[in-house]
Amino acid sequence: MARAWLLVIAAGLFETGFAVSLKLSDGFTRLWPTIGFCVFALASFGLLTLSLKVLDVGPAYAVWTGIGASGTAIYGMAFLGDLVSTLKIVSITLVIVGTIGLQISGSAGEPGARLPQS
């Protein structure tokens, strides 16, 4: 299961890459950022898909999007001139804390309440 979470983390980092590449592609009019977007997106979705063979979709998806959203916001502030504010930093922190909380609240293979499958 630890390997599956490492795949989710890597997928989240690739999600950051595809979001930043999307911005840099200028509406898919610049070749290399557009190619980067395609490569990062394929890697991100591919790794997430592999991890979902083992993990519950809710926590895995939340961690994936949390890493992607936080990473993209941090990258934008650090390298793309996005506005830096206290509220933005607090909000990013809350996203990270929330995704960690969701992940540790229960994941595949752990006992917990599940609805019966029909």
PDB file of N, CA and C in Angstrom:
ATOM      1  N   MET A   1       0.816  -1.195   0.000  1.00  0.00           N
ATOM      2  CA  MET A   1       0.000   0.000   0.000  1.00  0.00           C
ATOM      3  C   MET A   1       0.862   1.262   0.000  1.00  0.00           C
ATOM      4  N   ALA A   2       2.030   1.209   0.644  1.00  0.00           N
ATOM      5  CA  ALA A   2       2.910   2.382   0.659  1.00  0.00           C
ATOM      6  C   ALA A   2       3.334   2.752  -0.763  1.00  0.00           C
ATOM      7  N   ARG A   3       3.542   1.731  -1.612  1.00  0.00           N
ATOM      8  CA  ARG A   3       3.918   1.993  -2.997  1.00  0.00           C
ATOM      9  C   ARG A   3       2.794   2.744  -3.716  1.00  0.00           C
ATOM     10  N   ALA A   4       1.561   2.373  -3.436  1.00  0.00           N
ATOM     11  CA  ALA A   4       0.423   3.040  -4.068  1.00  0.00           C
ATOM     12  C   ALA A   4       0.361   4.511  -3.666  1.00  0.00           C
ATOM     13  N   TRP A   5       0.646   4.819  -2.405  1.00  0.00           N
ATOM     14  CA  TRP A   5       0.650   6.215  -1.972  1.00  0.00           C
ATOM     15  C   TRP A   5       1.798   6.987  -2.606  1.00  0.00           C
ATOM     16  N   LEU A   6       2.928   6.335  -2.811  1.00  0.00           N
ATOM     17  CA  LEU A   6       4.033   6.994  -3.518  1.00  0.00           C
ATOM     18  C   LEU A   6       3.623   7.313  -4.958  1.00  0.00           C
ATOM     19  N   LEU A   7       2.853   6.421  -5.575  1.00  0.00           N
ATOM     20  CA  LEU A   7       2.339   6.694  -6.923  1.00  0.00           C
ATOM     21  C   LEU A   7       1.403   7.898  -6.925  1.00  0.00           C
ATOM     22  N   VAL A   8       0.563   8.011  -5.891  1.00  0.00           N
ATOM     23  CA  VAL A   8      -0.345   9.161  -5.791  1.00  0.00           C
ATOM     24  C   VAL A   8       0.455  10.455  -5.640  1.00  0.00           C
ATOM     25  N   ILE A   9       1.482  10.426  -4.811  1.00  0.00           N
ATOM     26  CA  ILE A   9       2.316  11.619  -4.617  1.00  0.00           C
ATOM     27  C   ILE A   9       2.990  12.011  -5.923  1.00  0.00           C
ATOM     28  N   ALA A  10       3.576  11.039  -6.616  1.00  0.00           N
ATOM     29  CA  ALA A  10       4.209  11.335  -7.909  1.00  0.00           C
ATOM     30  C   ALA A  10       3.168  11.858  -8.903  1.00  0.00           C
ATOM     31  N   ALA A  11       1.979  11.247  -8.918  1.00  0.00           N
ATOM     32  CA  ALA A  11       0.915  11.705  -9.814  1.00  0.00           C
ATOM     33  C   ALA A  11       0.522  13.145  -9.504  1.00  0.00           C
ATOM     34  N   GLY A  12       0.478  13.499  -8.217  1.00  0.00           N
ATOM     35  CA  GLY A  12       0.159  14.868  -7.821  1.00  0.00           C
ATOM     36  C   GLY A  12       1.214  15.860  -8.282  1.00  0.00           C
ATOM     37  N   LEU A  13       2.475  15.448  -8.211  1.00  0.00           N
ATOM     38  CA  LEU A  13       3.554  16.325  -8.695  1.00  0.00           C
ATOM     39  C   LEU A  13       3.458  16.509 -10.206  1.00  0.00           C
ATOM     40  N   PHE A  14       3.136  15.418 -10.918  1.00  0.00           N
ATOM     41  CA  PHE A  14       2.921  15.543 -12.366  1.00  0.00           C
ATOM     42  C   PHE A  14       1.702  16.405 -12.665  1.00  0.00           C
ATOM     43  N   GLU A  15       0.699  16.374 -11.796  1.00  0.00           N
ATOM     44  CA  GLU A  15      -0.463  17.252 -11.985  1.00  0.00           C
ATOM     45  C   GLU A  15      -0.035  18.714 -11.912  1.00  0.00           C
ATOM     46  N   THR A  16       0.847  19.028 -10.970  1.00  0.00           N
ATOM     47  CA  THR A  16       1.399  20.383 -10.902  1.00  0.00           C
ATOM     48  C   THR A  16       2.079  20.728 -12.216  1.00  0.00           C
ATOM     49  N   GLY A  17       2.854  19.777 -12.741  1.00  0.00           N
ATOM     50  CA  GLY A  17       3.542  19.992 -14.023  1.00  0.00           C
ATOM     51  C   GLY A  17       2.581  20.250 -15.166  1.00  0.00           C
ATOM     52  N   PHE A  18       1.473  19.495 -15.213  1.00  0.00           N
ATOM     53  CA  PHE A  18       0.573  19.734 -16.346  1.00  0.00           C
ATOM     54  C   PHE A  18      -0.203  21.026 -16.187  1.00  0.00           C
ATOM     55  N   ALA A  19      -0.504  21.430 -14.966  1.00  0.00           N
ATOM     56  CA  ALA A  19      -1.202  22.705 -14.775  1.00  0.00           C
ATOM     57  C   ALA A  19      -0.306  23.885 -15.150  1.00  0.00           C
ATOM     58  N   VAL A  20       0.940  23.837 -14.727  1.00  0.00           N
ATOM     59  CA  VAL A  20       1.878  24.909 -15.065  1.00  0.00           C
ATOM     60  C   VAL A  20       2.129  24.926 -16.571  1.00  0.00           C
ATOM     61  N   SER A  21       2.301  23.753 -17.178  1.00  0.00           N
ATOM     62  CA  SER A  21       2.503  23.687 -18.627  1.00  0.00           C
ATOM     63  C   SER A  21       1.304  24.227 -19.386  1.00  0.00           C
ATOM     64  N   LEU A  22       0.110  23.971 -18.864  1.00  0.00           N
ATOM     65  CA  LEU A  22      -1.100  24.501 -19.489  1.00  0.00           C
ATOM     66  C   LEU A  22      -1.056  26.027 -19.510  1.00  0.00           C
ATOM     67  N   LYS A  23      -0.652  26.632 -18.412  1.00  0.00           N
ATOM     68  CA  LYS A  23      -0.512  28.087 -18.349  1.00  0.00           C
ATOM     69  C   LYS A  23       0.527  28.572 -19.361  1.00  0.00           C
ATOM     70  N   LEU A  24       1.671  27.894 -19.371  1.00  0.00           N
ATOM     71  CA  LEU A  24       2.773  28.315 -20.244  1.00  0.00           C
ATOM     72  C   LEU A  24       2.505  28.051 -21.724  1.00  0.00           C
ATOM     73  N   SER A  25       1.549  27.167 -22.019  1.00  0.00           N
ATOM     74  CA  SER A  25       1.262  26.841 -23.426  1.00  0.00           C
ATOM     75  C   SER A  25       0.538  27.975 -24.147  1.00  0.00           C
ATOM     76  N   ASP A  26       0.013  28.926 -23.376  1.00  0.00           N
ATOM     77  CA  ASP A  26      -0.700  30.072 -23.948  1.00  0.00           C
ATOM     78  C   ASP A  26      -1.813  29.612 -24.887  1.00  0.00           C
ATOM     79  N   GLY A  27      -2.705  28.783 -24.316  1.00  0.00           N
ATOM     80  CA  GLY A  27      -3.828  28.285 -25.105  1.00  0.00           C
ATOM     81  C   GLY A  27      -3.409  27.271 -26.162  1.00  0.00           C
ATOM     82  N   PHE A  28      -2.416  26.465 -25.861  1.00  0.00           N
ATOM     83  CA  PHE A  28      -1.867  25.451 -26.768  1.00  0.00           C
ATOM     84  C   PHE A  28      -1.284  26.066 -28.039  1.00  0.00           C
ATOM     85  N   THR A  29      -0.765  27.290 -27.929  1.00  0.00           N
ATOM     86  CA  THR A  29      -0.143  27.929 -29.091  1.00  0.00           C
ATOM     87  C   THR A  29       1.381  27.850 -29.055  1.00  0.00           C
ATOM     88  N   ARG A  30       1.943  27.384 -27.944  1.00  0.00           N
ATOM     89  CA  ARG A  30       3.400  27.233 -27.824  1.00  0.00           C
ATOM     90  C   ARG A  30       3.715  25.742 -27.761  1.00  0.00           C
ATOM     91  N   LEU A  31       4.597  25.288 -28.657  1.00  0.00           N
ATOM     92  CA  LEU A  31       4.823  23.856 -28.863  1.00  0.00           C
ATOM     93  C   LEU A  31       5.336  23.138 -27.619  1.00  0.00           C
ATOM     94  N   TRP A  32       6.461  23.571 -27.047  1.00  0.00           N
ATOM     95  CA  TRP A  32       7.086  22.801 -25.967  1.00  0.00           C
ATOM     96  C   TRP A  32       6.247  22.761 -24.696  1.00  0.00           C
ATOM     97  N   PRO A  33       5.654  23.860 -24.267  1.00  0.00           N
ATOM     98  CA  PRO A  33       4.753  23.730 -23.112  1.00  0.00           C
ATOM     99  C   PRO A  33       3.545  22.843 -23.397  1.00  0.00           C
ATOM    100  N   THR A  34       3.071  22.834 -24.641  1.00  0.00           N
ATOM    101  CA  THR A  34       1.948  21.965 -25.000  1.00  0.00           C
ATOM    102  C   THR A  34       2.371  20.502 -24.930  1.00  0.00           C
ATOM    103  N   ILE A  35       3.554  20.194 -25.431  1.00  0.00           N
ATOM    104  CA  ILE A  35       4.073  18.828 -25.327  1.00  0.00           C
ATOM    105  C   ILE A  35       4.273  18.464 -23.861  1.00  0.00           C
ATOM    106  N   GLY A  36       4.814  19.395 -23.070  1.00  0.00           N
ATOM    107  CA  GLY A  36       4.989  19.151 -21.633  1.00  0.00           C
ATOM    108  C   GLY A  36       3.666  18.862 -20.963  1.00  0.00           C
ATOM    109  N   PHE A  37       2.635  19.624 -21.308  1.00  0.00           N
ATOM    110  CA  PHE A  37       1.303  19.380 -20.761  1.00  0.00           C
ATOM    111  C   PHE A  37       0.860  17.951 -21.045  1.00  0.00           C
ATOM    112  N   CYS A  38       1.005  17.509 -22.295  1.00  0.00           N
ATOM    113  CA  CYS A  38       0.567  16.164 -22.674  1.00  0.00           C
ATOM    114  C   CYS A  38       1.335  15.087 -21.910  1.00  0.00           C
ATOM    115  N   VAL A  39       2.636  15.252 -21.799  1.00  0.00           N
ATOM    116  CA  VAL A  39       3.474  14.265 -21.098  1.00  0.00           C
ATOM    117  C   VAL A  39       3.124  14.232 -19.614  1.00  0.00           C
ATOM    118  N   PHE A  40       3.051  15.402 -18.992  1.00  0.00           N
ATOM    119  CA  PHE A  40       2.733  15.459 -17.557  1.00  0.00           C
ATOM    120  C   PHE A  40       1.330  14.922 -17.269  1.00  0.00           C
ATOM    121  N   ALA A  41       0.363  15.266 -18.119  1.00  0.00           N
ATOM    122  CA  ALA A  41      -1.006  14.801 -17.902  1.00  0.00           C
ATOM    123  C   ALA A  41      -1.088  13.287 -18.031  1.00  0.00           C
ATOM    124  N   LEU A  42      -0.460  12.738 -19.047  1.00  0.00           N
ATOM    125  CA  LEU A  42      -0.472  11.288 -19.239  1.00  0.00           C
ATOM    126  C   LEU A  42       0.193  10.583 -18.057  1.00  0.00           C
ATOM    127  N   ALA A  43       1.325  11.100 -17.604  1.00  0.00           N
ATOM    128  CA  ALA A  43       2.010  10.504 -16.455  1.00  0.00           C
ATOM    129  C   ALA A  43       1.153  10.609 -15.198  1.00  0.00           C
ATOM    130  N   SER A  44       0.549  11.759 -14.978  1.00  0.00           N
ATOM    131  CA  SER A  44      -0.264  11.969 -13.784  1.00  0.00           C
ATOM    132  C   SER A  44      -1.458  11.022 -13.747  1.00  0.00           C
ATOM    133  N   PHE A  45      -2.227  10.993 -14.827  1.00  0.00           N
ATOM    134  CA  PHE A  45      -3.406  10.124 -14.869  1.00  0.00           C
ATOM    135  C   PHE A  45      -3.005   8.649 -14.843  1.00  0.00           C
ATOM    136  N   GLY A  46      -1.908   8.320 -15.499  1.00  0.00           N
ATOM    137  CA  GLY A  46      -1.448   6.933 -15.501  1.00  0.00           C
ATOM    138  C   GLY A  46      -1.065   6.452 -14.113  1.00  0.00           C
ATOM    139  N   LEU A  47      -0.301   7.259 -13.389  1.00  0.00           N
ATOM    140  CA  LEU A  47       0.101   6.874 -12.036  1.00  0.00           C
ATOM    141  C   LEU A  47      -1.094   6.823 -11.094  1.00  0.00           C
ATOM    142  N   LEU A  48      -2.008   7.777 -11.225  1.00  0.00           N
ATOM    143  CA  LEU A  48      -3.207   7.754 -10.387  1.00  0.00           C
ATOM    144  C   LEU A  48      -4.017   6.485 -10.666  1.00  0.00           C
ATOM    145  N   THR A  49      -4.152   6.131 -11.926  1.00  0.00           N
ATOM    146  CA  THR A  49      -4.889   4.925 -12.299  1.00  0.00           C
ATOM    147  C   THR A  49      -4.274   3.677 -11.670  1.00  0.00           C
ATOM    148  N   LEU A  50      -2.948   3.580 -11.702  1.00  0.00           N
ATOM    149  CA  LEU A  50      -2.273   2.431 -11.085  1.00  0.00           C
ATOM    150  C   LEU A  50      -2.524   2.387  -9.582  1.00  0.00           C
ATOM    151  N   SER A  51      -2.481   3.540  -8.932  1.00  0.00           N
ATOM    152  CA  SER A  51      -2.671   3.570  -7.481  1.00  0.00           C
ATOM    153  C   SER A  51      -4.092   3.166  -7.090  1.00  0.00           C
ATOM    154  N   LEU A  52      -5.065   3.462  -7.964  1.00  0.00           N
ATOM    155  CA  LEU A  52      -6.460   3.165  -7.644  1.00  0.00           C
ATOM    156  C   LEU A  52      -6.781   1.673  -7.721  1.00  0.00           C
ATOM    157  N   LYS A  53      -5.841   0.868  -8.179  1.00  0.00           N
ATOM    158  CA  LYS A  53      -6.022  -0.576  -8.123  1.00  0.00           C
ATOM    159  C   LYS A  53      -5.985  -1.060  -6.678  1.00  0.00           C
ATOM    160  N   VAL A  54      -5.351  -0.264  -5.799  1.00  0.00           N
ATOM    161  CA  VAL A  54      -5.167  -0.649  -4.398  1.00  0.00           C
ATOM    162  C   VAL A  54      -5.917   0.268  -3.438  1.00  0.00           C
ATOM    163  N   LEU A  55      -5.949   1.556  -3.739  1.00  0.00           N
ATOM    164  CA  LEU A  55      -6.465   2.552  -2.804  1.00  0.00           C
ATOM    165  C   LEU A  55      -7.928   2.878  -3.052  1.00  0.00           C
ATOM    166  N   ASP A  56      -8.591   3.364  -2.008  1.00  0.00           N
ATOM    167  CA  ASP A  56      -9.943   3.901  -2.155  1.00  0.00           C
ATOM    168  C   ASP A  56      -9.873   5.188  -2.971  1.00  0.00           C
ATOM    169  N   VAL A  57     -10.862   5.407  -3.812  1.00  0.00           N
ATOM    170  CA  VAL A  57     -10.831   6.531  -4.732  1.00  0.00           C
ATOM    171  C   VAL A  57     -10.923   7.880  -4.011  1.00  0.00           C
ATOM    172  N   GLY A  58     -11.737   7.993  -2.970  1.00  0.00           N
ATOM    173  CA  GLY A  58     -11.927   9.285  -2.299  1.00  0.00           C
ATOM    174  C   GLY A  58     -10.645   9.869  -1.731  1.00  0.00           C
ATOM    175  N   PRO A  59      -9.991   9.165  -0.822  1.00  0.00           N
ATOM    176  CA  PRO A  59      -8.749   9.706  -0.260  1.00  0.00           C
ATOM    177  C   PRO A  59      -7.641   9.878  -1.304  1.00  0.00           C
ATOM    178  N   ALA A  60      -7.514   8.912  -2.221  1.00  0.00           N
ATOM    179  CA  ALA A  60      -6.456   9.013  -3.233  1.00  0.00           C
ATOM    180  C   ALA A  60      -6.677  10.224  -4.129  1.00  0.00           C
ATOM    181  N   TYR A  61      -7.925  10.428  -4.563  1.00  0.00           N
ATOM    182  CA  TYR A  61      -8.229  11.568  -5.427  1.00  0.00           C
ATOM    183  C   TYR A  61      -8.020  12.884  -4.684  1.00  0.00           C
ATOM    184  N   ALA A  62      -8.405  12.925  -3.419  1.00  0.00           N
ATOM    185  CA  ALA A  62      -8.225  14.146  -2.627  1.00  0.00           C
ATOM    186  C   ALA A  62      -6.752  14.485  -2.465  1.00  0.00           C
ATOM    187  N   VAL A  63      -5.937  13.488  -2.189  1.00  0.00           N
ATOM    188  CA  VAL A  63      -4.496  13.736  -2.039  1.00  0.00           C
ATOM    189  C   VAL A  63      -3.911  14.179  -3.378  1.00  0.00           C
ATOM    190  N   TRP A  64      -4.300  13.512  -4.465  1.00  0.00           N
ATOM    191  CA  TRP A  64      -3.808  13.861  -5.797  1.00  0.00           C
ATOM    192  C   TRP A  64      -4.141  15.314  -6.144  1.00  0.00           C
ATOM    193  N   THR A  65      -5.406  15.696  -5.966  1.00  0.00           N
ATOM    194  CA  THR A  65      -5.792  17.069  -6.292  1.00  0.00           C
ATOM    195  C   THR A  65      -5.201  18.069  -5.305  1.00  0.00           C
ATOM    196  N   GLY A  66      -5.063  17.663  -4.038  1.00  0.00           N
ATOM    197  CA  GLY A  66      -4.456  18.553  -3.043  1.00  0.00           C
ATOM    198  C   GLY A  66      -3.011  18.878  -3.375  1.00  0.00           C
ATOM    199  N   ILE A  67      -2.259  17.844  -3.752  1.00  0.00           N
ATOM    200  CA  ILE A  67      -0.865  18.070  -4.144  1.00  0.00           C
ATOM    201  C   ILE A  67      -0.810  18.928  -5.402  1.00  0.00           C
ATOM    202  N   GLY A  68      -1.656  18.614  -6.366  1.00  0.00           N
ATOM    203  CA  GLY A  68      -1.656  19.378  -7.613  1.00  0.00           C
ATOM    204  C   GLY A  68      -2.040  20.827  -7.415  1.00  0.00           C
ATOM    205  N   ALA A  69      -3.108  21.064  -6.655  1.00  0.00           N
ATOM    206  CA  ALA A  69      -3.562  22.448  -6.430  1.00  0.00           C
ATOM    207  C   ALA A  69      -2.549  23.232  -5.612  1.00  0.00           C
ATOM    208  N   SER A  70      -2.069  22.626  -4.539  1.00  0.00           N
ATOM    209  CA  SER A  70      -1.095  23.319  -3.684  1.00  0.00           C
ATOM    210  C   SER A  70       0.214  23.556  -4.429  1.00  0.00           C
ATOM    211  N   GLY A  71       0.674  22.521  -5.110  1.00  0.00           N
ATOM    212  CA  GLY A  71       1.930  22.655  -5.861  1.00  0.00           C
ATOM    213  C   GLY A  71       1.845  23.710  -6.942  1.00  0.00           C
ATOM    214  N   THR A  72       0.715  23.751  -7.634  1.00  0.00           N
ATOM    215  CA  THR A  72       0.537  24.743  -8.688  1.00  0.00           C
ATOM    216  C   THR A  72       0.492  26.159  -8.112  1.00  0.00           C
ATOM    217  N   ALA A  73      -0.222  26.332  -7.015  1.00  0.00           N
ATOM    218  CA  ALA A  73      -0.294  27.657  -6.387  1.00  0.00           C
ATOM    219  C   ALA A  73       1.075  28.103  -5.879  1.00  0.00           C
ATOM    220  N   ILE A  74       1.792  27.191  -5.253  1.00  0.00           N
ATOM    221  CA  ILE A  74       3.132  27.526  -4.736  1.00  0.00           C
ATOM    222  C   ILE A  74       4.075  27.847  -5.889  1.00  0.00           C
ATOM    223  N   TYR A  75       4.050  27.045  -6.953  1.00  0.00           N
ATOM    224  CA  TYR A  75       4.901  27.304  -8.119  1.00  0.00           C
ATOM    225  C   TYR A  75       4.565  28.659  -8.733  1.00  0.00           C
ATOM    226  N   GLY A  76       3.281  28.940  -8.868  1.00  0.00           N
ATOM    227  CA  GLY A  76       2.868  30.221  -9.441  1.00  0.00           C
ATOM    228  C   GLY A  76       3.367  31.403  -8.636  1.00  0.00           C
ATOM    229  N   MET A  77       3.291  31.286  -7.308  1.00  0.00           N
ATOM    230  CA  MET A  77       3.786  32.379  -6.457  1.00  0.00           C
ATOM    231  C   MET A  77       5.304  32.493  -6.524  1.00  0.00           C
ATOM    232  N   ALA A  78       5.987  31.361  -6.595  1.00  0.00           N
ATOM    233  CA  ALA A  78       7.454  31.377  -6.569  1.00  0.00           C
ATOM    234  C   ALA A  78       8.072  31.768  -7.906  1.00  0.00           C
ATOM    235  N   PHE A  79       7.449  31.343  -9.017  1.00  0.00           N
ATOM    236  CA  PHE A  79       8.126  31.503 -10.310  1.00  0.00           C
ATOM    237  C   PHE A  79       7.343  32.241 -11.385  1.00  0.00           C
ATOM    238  N   LEU A  80       6.032  32.408 -11.210  1.00  0.00           N
ATOM    239  CA  LEU A  80       5.229  33.017 -12.268  1.00  0.00           C
ATOM    240  C   LEU A  80       4.661  34.377 -11.897  1.00  0.00           C
ATOM    241  N   GLY A  81       5.047  34.889 -10.749  1.00  0.00           N
ATOM    242  CA  GLY A  81       4.599  36.220 -10.357  1.00  0.00           C
ATOM    243  C   GLY A  81       3.178  36.290  -9.825  1.00  0.00           C
ATOM    244  N   ASP A  82       2.614  35.134  -9.429  1.00  0.00           N
ATOM    245  CA  ASP A  82       1.276  35.161  -8.832  1.00  0.00           C
ATOM    246  C   ASP A  82       1.324  35.898  -7.495  1.00  0.00           C
ATOM    247  N   LEU A  83       0.207  36.518  -7.148  1.00  0.00           N
ATOM    248  CA  LEU A  83       0.096  37.263  -5.910  1.00  0.00           C
ATOM    249  C   LEU A  83       0.350  36.350  -4.707  1.00  0.00           C
ATOM    250  N   VAL A  84       1.165  36.830  -3.771  1.00  0.00           N
ATOM    251  CA  VAL A  84       1.411  36.123  -2.515  1.00  0.00           C
ATOM    252  C   VAL A  84       0.675  36.885  -1.420  1.00  0.00           C
ATOM    253  N   SER A  85      -0.146  36.161  -0.661  1.00  0.00           N
ATOM    254  CA  SER A  85      -0.853  36.803   0.441  1.00  0.00           C
ATOM    255  C   SER A  85      -0.942  35.821   1.601  1.00  0.00           C
ATOM    256  N   THR A  86      -1.177  36.366   2.771  1.00  0.00           N
ATOM    257  CA  THR A  86      -1.333  35.525   3.954  1.00  0.00           C
ATOM    258  C   THR A  86      -2.518  34.590   3.794  1.00  0.00           C
ATOM    259  N   LEU A  87      -3.628  35.094   3.290  1.00  0.00           N
ATOM    260  CA  LEU A  87      -4.808  34.265   3.106  1.00  0.00           C
ATOM    261  C   LEU A  87      -4.529  33.116   2.132  1.00  0.00           C
ATOM    262  N   LYS A  88      -3.797  33.378   1.063  1.00  0.00           N
ATOM    263  CA  LYS A  88      -3.475  32.326   0.102  1.00  0.00           C
ATOM    264  C   LYS A  88      -2.607  31.246   0.758  1.00  0.00           C
ATOM    265  N   ILE A  89      -1.622  31.647   1.536  1.00  0.00           N
ATOM    266  CA  ILE A  89      -0.743  30.682   2.207  1.00  0.00           C
ATOM    267  C   ILE A  89      -1.517  29.870   3.239  1.00  0.00           C
ATOM    268  N   VAL A  90      -2.388  30.521   4.016  1.00  0.00           N
ATOM    269  CA  VAL A  90      -3.220  29.805   4.983  1.00  0.00           C
ATOM    270  C   VAL A  90      -4.139  28.825   4.262  1.00  0.00           C
ATOM    271  N   SER A  91      -4.714  29.235   3.155  1.00  0.00           N
ATOM    272  CA  SER A  91      -5.615  28.366   2.398  1.00  0.00           C
ATOM    273  C   SER A  91      -4.883  27.148   1.846  1.00  0.00           C
ATOM    274  N   ILE A  92      -3.697  27.342   1.311  1.00  0.00           N
ATOM    275  CA  ILE A  92      -2.895  26.216   0.823  1.00  0.00           C
ATOM    276  C   ILE A  92      -2.586  25.258   1.966  1.00  0.00           C
ATOM    277  N   THR A  93      -2.251  25.800   3.115  1.00  0.00           N
ATOM    278  CA  THR A  93      -1.977  24.972   4.292  1.00  0.00           C
ATOM    279  C   THR A  93      -3.207  24.159   4.674  1.00  0.00           C
ATOM    280  N   LEU A  94      -4.381  24.773   4.627  1.00  0.00           N
ATOM    281  CA  LEU A  94      -5.617  24.057   4.947  1.00  0.00           C
ATOM    282  C   LEU A  94      -5.902  22.934   3.949  1.00  0.00           C
ATOM    283  N   VAL A  95      -5.610  23.161   2.685  1.00  0.00           N
ATOM    284  CA  VAL A  95      -5.784  22.110   1.679  1.00  0.00           C
ATOM    285  C   VAL A  95      -4.879  20.926   2.012  1.00  0.00           C
ATOM    286  N   ILE A  96      -3.632  21.213   2.326  1.00  0.00           N
ATOM    287  CA  ILE A  96      -2.681  20.151   2.651  1.00  0.00           C
ATOM    288  C   ILE A  96      -3.106  19.401   3.907  1.00  0.00           C
ATOM    289  N   VAL A  97      -3.460  20.128   4.949  1.00  0.00           N
ATOM    290  CA  VAL A  97      -3.894  19.497   6.198  1.00  0.00           C
ATOM    291  C   VAL A  97      -5.167  18.673   5.970  1.00  0.00           C
ATOM    292  N   GLY A  98      -6.092  19.186   5.187  1.00  0.00           N
ATOM    293  CA  GLY A  98      -7.325  18.465   4.904  1.00  0.00           C
ATOM    294  C   GLY A  98      -7.091  17.169   4.146  1.00  0.00           C
ATOM    295  N   THR A  99      -6.207  17.198   3.167  1.00  0.00           N
ATOM    296  CA  THR A  99      -5.946  15.973   2.412  1.00  0.00           C
ATOM    297  C   THR A  99      -5.204  14.949   3.261  1.00  0.00           C
ATOM    298  N   ILE A 100      -4.315  15.405   4.114  1.00  0.00           N
ATOM    299  CA  ILE A 100      -3.639  14.483   5.028  1.00  0.00           C
ATOM    300  C   ILE A 100      -4.659  13.879   5.990  1.00  0.00           C
ATOM    301  N   GLY A 101      -5.541  14.703   6.517  1.00  0.00           N
ATOM    302  CA  GLY A 101      -6.567  14.211   7.424  1.00  0.00           C
ATOM    303  C   GLY A 101      -7.472  13.193   6.766  1.00  0.00           C
ATOM    304  N   LEU A 102      -7.857  13.435   5.525  1.00  0.00           N
ATOM    305  CA  LEU A 102      -8.699  12.489   4.808  1.00  0.00           C
ATOM    306  C   LEU A 102      -7.956  11.175   4.587  1.00  0.00           C
ATOM    307  N   GLN A 103      -6.684  11.259   4.262  1.00  0.00           N
ATOM    308  CA  GLN A 103      -5.898  10.051   4.020  1.00  0.00           C
ATOM    309  C   GLN A 103      -5.740   9.223   5.292  1.00  0.00           C
ATOM    310  N   ILE A 104      -5.456   9.870   6.414  1.00  0.00           N
ATOM    311  CA  ILE A 104      -5.224   9.092   7.636  1.00  0.00           C
ATOM    312  C   ILE A 104      -6.529   8.660   8.307  1.00  0.00           C
ATOM    313  N   SER A 105      -7.652   9.193   7.844  1.00  0.00           N
ATOM    314  CA  SER A 105      -8.936   8.807   8.436  1.00  0.00           C
ATOM    315  C   SER A 105      -9.370   7.410   8.018  1.00  0.00           C
ATOM    316  N   GLY A 106      -8.736   6.868   7.040  1.00  0.00           N
ATOM    317  CA  GLY A 106      -9.059   5.515   6.603  1.00  0.00           C
ATOM    318  C   GLY A 106      -8.767   5.333   5.142  1.00  0.00           C
ATOM    319  N   SER A 107      -8.167   4.186   4.821  1.00  0.00           N
ATOM    320  CA  SER A 107      -7.872   3.887   3.428  1.00  0.00           C
ATOM    321  C   SER A 107      -8.045   2.398   3.194  1.00  0.00           C
ATOM    322  N   ALA A 108      -7.856   1.980   1.960  1.00  0.00           N
ATOM    323  CA  ALA A 108      -8.092   0.595   1.560  1.00  0.00           C
ATOM    324  C   ALA A 108      -7.344  -0.380   2.452  1.00  0.00           C
ATOM    325  N   GLY A 109      -8.001  -1.435   2.793  1.00  0.00           N
ATOM    326  CA  GLY A 109      -7.388  -2.483   3.591  1.00  0.00           C
ATOM    327  C   GLY A 109      -7.541  -2.285   5.083  1.00  0.00           C
ATOM    328  N   GLU A 110      -8.045  -1.136   5.504  1.00  0.00           N
ATOM    329  CA  GLU A 110      -8.238  -0.874   6.918  1.00  0.00           C
ATOM    330  C   GLU A 110      -9.696  -1.095   7.270  1.00  0.00           C
ATOM    331  N   PRO A 111      -9.950  -1.558   8.486  1.00  0.00           N
ATOM    332  CA  PRO A 111     -11.349  -1.761   8.867  1.00  0.00           C
ATOM    333  C   PRO A 111     -12.086  -0.433   8.921  1.00  0.00           C
ATOM    334  N   GLY A 112     -13.325  -0.466   8.567  1.00  0.00           N
ATOM    335  CA  GLY A 112     -14.138   0.753   8.616  1.00  0.00           C
ATOM    336  C   GLY A 112     -15.501   0.456   8.020  1.00  0.00           C
ATOM    337  N   ALA A 113     -16.371   1.396   8.167  1.00  0.00           N
ATOM    338  CA  ALA A 113     -17.728   1.216   7.659  1.00  0.00           C
ATOM    339  C   ALA A 113     -17.728   1.352   6.146  1.00  0.00           C
ATOM    340  N   ARG A 114     -18.306   0.380   5.485  1.00  0.00           N
ATOM    341  CA  ARG A 114     -18.455   0.416   4.049  1.00  0.00           C
ATOM    342  C   ARG A 114     -19.890   0.071   3.702  1.00  0.00           C
ATOM    343  N   LEU A 115     -20.393   0.692   2.685  1.00  0.00           N
ATOM    344  CA  LEU A 115     -21.734   0.355   2.228  1.00  0.00           C
ATOM    345  C   LEU A 115     -21.671  -0.981   1.482  1.00  0.00           C
ATOM    346  N   PRO A 116     -22.700  -1.793   1.628  1.00  0.00           N
ATOM    347  CA  PRO A 116     -22.689  -3.068   0.902  1.00  0.00           C
ATOM    348  C   PRO A 116     -22.758  -2.828  -0.604  1.00  0.00           C
ATOM    349  N   GLN A 117     -22.044  -3.656  -1.346  1.00  0.00           N
ATOM    350  CA  GLN A 117     -22.059  -3.570  -2.804  1.00  0.00           C
ATOM    351  C   GLN A 117     -23.285  -4.298  -3.332  1.00  0.00           C
ATOM    352  N   SER A 118     -23.955  -3.709  -4.302  1.00  0.00           N
ATOM    353  CA  SER A 118     -25.141  -4.368  -4.845  1.00  0.00           C
ATOM    354  C   SER A 118     -24.813  -5.117  -6.110  1.00  0.00           C
TER     355      SER A 118
END
